[in-house]
């Protein structure tokens, strides 16, 4: 198979004013590809993360539940909640203020 292409180019300098066509086409394709890449999502949107905090029973300020002591007032973060009704009680309570059940050691 023999291909014979006979193009009639004008190489004397003016080129018929078409010297800008190829760079313009290449630039246009590059820009359209860049726009498509920007529009396409990179994957599923990340789920919003929930931040868990607890409130100090003594000073009422919030902090990370992993802390052993409140970073604001220095009190112990041991929870004194009733094992029957779940109500928070004072650290020195002997009976639950919600249901009257005896309060056991903190969990």
Protein backbone atom coordinates (compact mmCIF):
# COMPACT_ATOMS: atom_id res chain seq x y z
CA UNK A 1 0.00 0.00 0.00
CA UNK A 2 1.44 3.29 -1.04
CA UNK A 3 0.07 6.56 0.22
CA UNK A 4 0.76 9.59 -1.79
CA UNK A 5 -0.32 12.84 -0.25
CA UNK A 6 -0.02 15.89 -2.37
CA UNK A 7 -0.56 18.99 -0.30
CA UNK A 8 -0.14 22.33 -1.85
CA UNK A 9 1.45 24.45 0.89
CA UNK A 10 2.45 28.02 0.44
CA UNK A 11 5.81 28.31 2.21
CA UNK A 12 6.71 31.76 1.02
CA UNK A 13 5.93 33.35 4.35
CA UNK A 14 2.34 34.51 4.41
CA UNK A 15 0.68 31.06 4.69
CA UNK A 16 -2.62 32.54 3.80
CA UNK A 17 -3.00 33.84 7.35
CA UNK A 18 -3.64 30.35 8.78
CA UNK A 19 -0.53 30.00 10.94
CA UNK A 20 -2.57 30.61 14.10
CA UNK A 21 -5.12 27.81 13.48
CA UNK A 22 -3.17 24.83 14.81
CA UNK A 23 -2.01 26.55 18.03
CA UNK A 24 -5.56 27.82 18.60
CA UNK A 25 -7.04 24.32 18.15
CA UNK A 26 -4.46 22.78 20.50
CA UNK A 27 -5.02 25.49 23.11
CA UNK A 28 -8.80 25.07 22.85
CA UNK A 29 -8.57 21.32 23.41
CA UNK A 30 -6.24 21.75 26.36
CA UNK A 31 -8.60 24.22 27.99
CA UNK A 32 -11.68 22.05 27.42
CA UNK A 33 -9.89 19.05 28.94
CA UNK A 34 -8.87 21.15 31.94
CA UNK A 35 -12.45 22.32 32.45
CA UNK A 36 -13.78 18.76 32.25
CA UNK A 37 -11.27 17.61 34.85
CA UNK A 38 -12.30 20.41 37.20
CA UNK A 39 -16.00 19.61 36.84
CA UNK A 40 -15.64 15.87 37.35
CA UNK A 41 -15.89 14.88 41.01
CA UNK A 42 -12.88 13.09 42.41
CA UNK A 43 -15.14 10.51 44.03
CA UNK A 44 -17.97 10.43 46.51
CA UNK A 45 -18.17 13.43 48.79
CA UNK A 46 -16.72 12.72 52.23
CA UNK A 47 -19.29 12.23 54.93
CA UNK A 48 -19.42 15.05 57.46
CA UNK A 49 -17.58 14.10 60.60
CA UNK A 50 -19.35 14.39 63.89
CA UNK A 51 -17.43 15.71 66.84
CA UNK A 52 -18.31 14.18 70.18
CA UNK A 53 -17.88 16.36 73.24
CA UNK A 54 -19.14 16.09 76.78
CA UNK A 55 -20.03 18.77 79.29
CA UNK A 56 -18.28 18.97 82.66
CA UNK A 57 -20.64 18.36 85.57
CA UNK A 58 -18.81 21.00 87.61
CA UNK A 59 -18.09 23.97 85.30
CA UNK A 60 -20.49 23.10 82.42
CA UNK A 61 -17.80 23.62 79.73
CA UNK A 62 -17.35 21.11 76.91
CA UNK A 63 -14.31 18.94 76.22
CA UNK A 64 -13.18 15.69 74.60
CA UNK A 65 -14.66 12.58 76.26
CA UNK A 66 -11.22 10.89 76.29
CA UNK A 67 -9.96 13.31 78.96
CA UNK A 68 -9.72 12.01 82.54
CA UNK A 69 -9.89 15.50 84.02
CA UNK A 70 -11.70 18.62 82.83
CA UNK A 71 -9.16 20.91 81.11
CA UNK A 72 -11.08 23.97 82.34
CA UNK A 73 -11.63 23.34 86.05
CA UNK A 74 -9.46 20.27 86.75
CA UNK A 75 -12.26 18.16 88.23
CA UNK A 76 -12.48 14.44 87.52
CA UNK A 77 -14.53 13.55 84.48
CA UNK A 78 -15.77 10.28 85.96
CA UNK A 79 -19.47 10.10 85.24
CA UNK A 80 -21.83 9.45 88.10
CA UNK A 81 -24.90 8.38 86.22
CA UNK A 82 -27.65 6.16 87.49
CA UNK A 83 -27.52 2.64 86.11
CA UNK A 84 -31.33 2.49 86.13
CA UNK A 85 -32.46 5.81 84.63
CA UNK A 86 -29.18 7.23 83.23
CA UNK A 87 -29.51 10.56 85.03
CA UNK A 88 -26.27 12.37 85.96
CA UNK A 89 -25.75 12.69 89.72
CA UNK A 90 -23.33 14.64 91.88
CA UNK A 91 -20.12 12.81 92.75
CA UNK A 92 -21.08 12.65 96.43
CA UNK A 93 -24.71 11.55 95.89
CA UNK A 94 -25.88 8.38 97.61
CA UNK A 95 -29.21 8.15 95.79
CA UNK A 96 -30.20 9.08 92.25
CA UNK A 97 -31.96 12.42 91.96
CA UNK A 98 -34.08 11.04 89.09
CA UNK A 99 -35.38 7.72 90.40
CA UNK A 100 -34.09 7.38 93.98
CA UNK A 101 -32.05 4.24 93.29
CA UNK A 102 -28.76 3.84 95.14
CA UNK A 103 -25.83 5.37 93.23
CA UNK A 104 -22.90 3.03 92.68
CA UNK A 105 -19.26 3.81 91.91
CA UNK A 106 -18.67 5.89 88.77
CA UNK A 107 -18.25 4.17 85.42
